[in-house]
C-alpha atoms as a PDB file:
ATOM      1  CA  MET A   1      67.071 135.931  82.033  1.00  0.00           C
ATOM      2  CA  LYS A   2      70.202 134.721  83.831  1.00  0.00           C
ATOM      3  CA  ARG A   3      71.485 131.326  82.786  1.00  0.00           C
ATOM      4  CA  GLU A   4      73.061 129.053  85.416  1.00  0.00           C
ATOM      5  CA  VAL A   5      75.633 126.374  84.665  1.00  0.00           C
ATOM      6  CA  SER A   6      74.459 122.932  85.660  1.00  0.00           C
ATOM      7  CA  TRP A   7      77.233 121.266  87.661  1.00  0.00           C
ATOM      8  CA  PHE A   8      75.728 117.896  86.786  1.00  0.00           C
ATOM      9  CA  VAL A   9      76.168 118.534  83.061  1.00  0.00           C
ATOM     10  CA  LEU A  10      79.650 119.974  83.597  1.00  0.00           C
ATOM     11  CA  GLY A  11      80.648 116.798  85.456  1.00  0.00           C
ATOM     12  CA  TYR A  12      79.440 114.606  82.610  1.00  0.00           C
ATOM     13  CA  ILE A  13      81.325 116.748  80.097  1.00  0.00           C
ATOM     14  CA  LEU A  14      84.562 116.416  82.095  1.00  0.00           C
ATOM     15  CA  VAL A  15      84.152 112.629  82.343  1.00  0.00           C
ATOM     16  CA  PHE A  16      83.516 112.448  78.583  1.00  0.00           C
ATOM     17  CA  VAL A  17      86.614 114.563  77.846  1.00  0.00           C
ATOM     18  CA  GLY A  18      88.682 112.300  80.123  1.00  0.00           C
ATOM     19  CA  PHE A  19      87.544 109.159  78.290  1.00  0.00           C
ATOM     20  CA  LEU A  20      88.190 110.882  74.954  1.00  0.00           C
ATOM     21  CA  ILE A  21      91.764 111.734  76.004  1.00  0.00           C
ATOM     22  CA  ILE A  22      92.363 108.124  77.084  1.00  0.00           C
ATOM     23  CA  LEU A  23      90.973 106.807  73.784  1.00  0.00           C
ATOM     24  CA  LEU A  24      93.073 109.204  71.698  1.00  0.00           C
ATOM     25  CA  THR A  25      96.185 108.228  73.672  1.00  0.00           C
ATOM     26  CA  ILE A  26      95.581 104.552  72.964  1.00  0.00           C
ATOM     27  CA  ILE A  27      95.018 105.227  69.264  1.00  0.00           C
ATOM     28  CA  TYR A  28      98.169 107.366  69.079  1.00  0.00           C
ATOM     29  CA  GLY A  29     100.192 104.643  70.822  1.00  0.00           C
ATOM     30  CA  VAL A  30      98.995 101.994  68.396  1.00  0.00           C
ATOM     31  CA  LEU A  31      99.646 104.162  65.334  1.00  0.00           C
ATOM     32  CA  SER A  32     103.104 105.268  66.496  1.00  0.00           C
ATOM     33  CA  GLY A  33     104.012 101.654  67.267  1.00  0.00           C
ATOM     34  CA  LEU A  34     103.388 100.742  63.630  1.00  0.00           C
ATOM     35  CA  SER A  35     105.932 103.262  62.323  1.00  0.00           C
ATOM     36  CA  GLU A  36     108.962 101.576  63.986  1.00  0.00           C
ATOM     37  CA  SER A  37     109.900 104.634  65.997  1.00  0.00           C
ATOM     38  CA  THR A  38     111.231 104.669  69.521  1.00  0.00           C
ATOM     39  CA  ILE A  39     108.837 105.724  72.232  1.00  0.00           C
ATOM     40  CA  HIS A  40     109.900 107.884  75.150  1.00  0.00           C
ATOM     41  CA  GLY A  41     107.604 108.327  78.066  1.00  0.00           C
ATOM     42  CA  GLY A  42     107.191 109.537  81.554  1.00  0.00           C
ATOM     43  CA  ALA A  43     104.691 109.975  84.311  1.00  0.00           C
ATOM     44  CA  VAL A  44     103.957 112.827  86.662  1.00  0.00           C
ATOM     45  CA  GLY A  45     101.806 112.927  89.741  1.00  0.00           C
ATOM     46  CA  CYS A  46     100.698 115.806  91.906  1.00  0.00           C
ATOM     47  CA  ILE A  47      99.267 115.533  95.397  1.00  0.00           C
ATOM     48  CA  ILE A  48      97.615 118.619  96.815  1.00  0.00           C
ATOM     49  CA  VAL A  49      97.593 119.092 100.585  1.00  0.00           C
ATOM     50  CA  PHE A  50      95.873 122.312 101.667  1.00  0.00           C
ATOM     51  CA  PHE A  51      96.856 124.186  98.477  1.00  0.00           C
ATOM     52  CA  ILE A  52     100.459 122.980  98.670  1.00  0.00           C
ATOM     53  CA  PRO A  53     101.291 120.934  95.559  1.00  0.00           C
ATOM     54  CA  ILE A  54     103.724 118.047  95.898  1.00  0.00           C
ATOM     55  CA  CYS A  55     104.700 116.961  92.374  1.00  0.00           C
ATOM     56  CA  PHE A  56     106.885 114.037  91.363  1.00  0.00           C
ATOM     57  CA  GLY A  57     107.823 112.392  88.099  1.00  0.00           C
ATOM     58  CA  ALA A  58     109.759 109.588  86.475  1.00  0.00           C
ATOM     59  CA  GLY A  59     110.592 108.589  82.936  1.00  0.00           C
ATOM     60  CA  THR A  60     113.104 108.497  80.128  1.00  0.00           C
ATOM     61  CA  ASP A  61     112.295 111.775  78.375  1.00  0.00           C
ATOM     62  CA  THR A  62     113.013 114.829  80.536  1.00  0.00           C
ATOM     63  CA  SER A  63     111.407 117.354  78.176  1.00  0.00           C
ATOM     64  CA  SER A  64     108.047 115.609  78.422  1.00  0.00           C
ATOM     65  CA  LEU A  65     108.369 115.516  82.207  1.00  0.00           C
ATOM     66  CA  TYR A  66     108.801 119.289  82.331  1.00  0.00           C
ATOM     67  CA  THR A  67     105.738 119.697  80.133  1.00  0.00           C
ATOM     68  CA  LEU A  68     103.721 117.424  82.403  1.00  0.00           C
ATOM     69  CA  PHE A  69     104.869 119.382  85.466  1.00  0.00           C
ATOM     70  CA  VAL A  70     103.651 122.586  83.840  1.00  0.00           C
ATOM     71  CA  PHE A  71     100.280 120.988  83.042  1.00  0.00           C
ATOM     72  CA  GLY A  72     100.056 119.768  86.633  1.00  0.00           C
ATOM     73  CA  TYR A  73     100.609 123.264  88.003  1.00  0.00           C
ATOM     74  CA  ILE A  74      98.079 124.705  85.537  1.00  0.00           C
ATOM     75  CA  ILE A  75      95.503 122.205  86.807  1.00  0.00           C
ATOM     76  CA  ILE A  76      96.312 123.204  90.387  1.00  0.00           C
ATOM     77  CA  ILE A  77      95.781 126.884  89.541  1.00  0.00           C
ATOM     78  CA  ILE A  78      92.450 126.080  87.891  1.00  0.00           C
ATOM     79  CA  MET A  79      91.377 124.101  90.965  1.00  0.00           C
ATOM     80  CA  VAL A  80      92.277 127.001  93.257  1.00  0.00           C
ATOM     81  CA  LEU A  81      90.307 129.422  91.051  1.00  0.00           C
ATOM     82  CA  PHE A  82      87.243 127.133  91.092  1.00  0.00           C
ATOM     83  CA  THR A  83      87.510 126.882  94.875  1.00  0.00           C
ATOM     84  CA  VAL A  84      87.663 130.669  95.250  1.00  0.00           C
ATOM     85  CA  ILE A  85      84.674 131.111  92.932  1.00  0.00           C
ATOM     86  CA  LEU A  86      82.629 128.524  94.819  1.00  0.00           C
ATOM     87  CA  ILE A  87      83.499 130.068  98.194  1.00  0.00           C
ATOM     88  CA  ARG A  88      82.484 133.524  96.947  1.00  0.00           C
ATOM     89  CA  LYS A  89      79.169 132.133  95.649  1.00  0.00           C
ATOM     90  CA  ALA A  90      78.515 130.369  98.958  1.00  0.00           C
ATOM     91  CA  VAL A  91      79.203 133.528 100.958  1.00  0.00           C
ATOM     92  CA  LYS A  92      77.091 135.596  98.575  1.00  0.00           C
ATOM     93  CA  VAL A  93      74.130 133.221  98.862  1.00  0.00           C
ATOM     94  CA  ARG A  94      74.386 133.144 102.663  1.00  0.00           C
ATOM     95  CA  THR A  95      74.267 136.908 103.163  1.00  0.00           C
END
């Protein structure tokens, strides 16, 4: 018996993981603020236009920006792989 992945359940799992990451970030920020340490931060954004990533970033800590750029490109690669898989499934179902 072949088991199919429910996209509905996968969507809920991704939303739950996103909220969990946000919650853990808030908890980490509160706990690190109590230890009197300096906080360095940054932000990175990626806009994808027809598989061409346009990434930008700003912040005080350059090493974290490079890490965020790498994570952004990894997410882009995952999105491209999902798109290829979905296109192959759609073509396979059609024929």
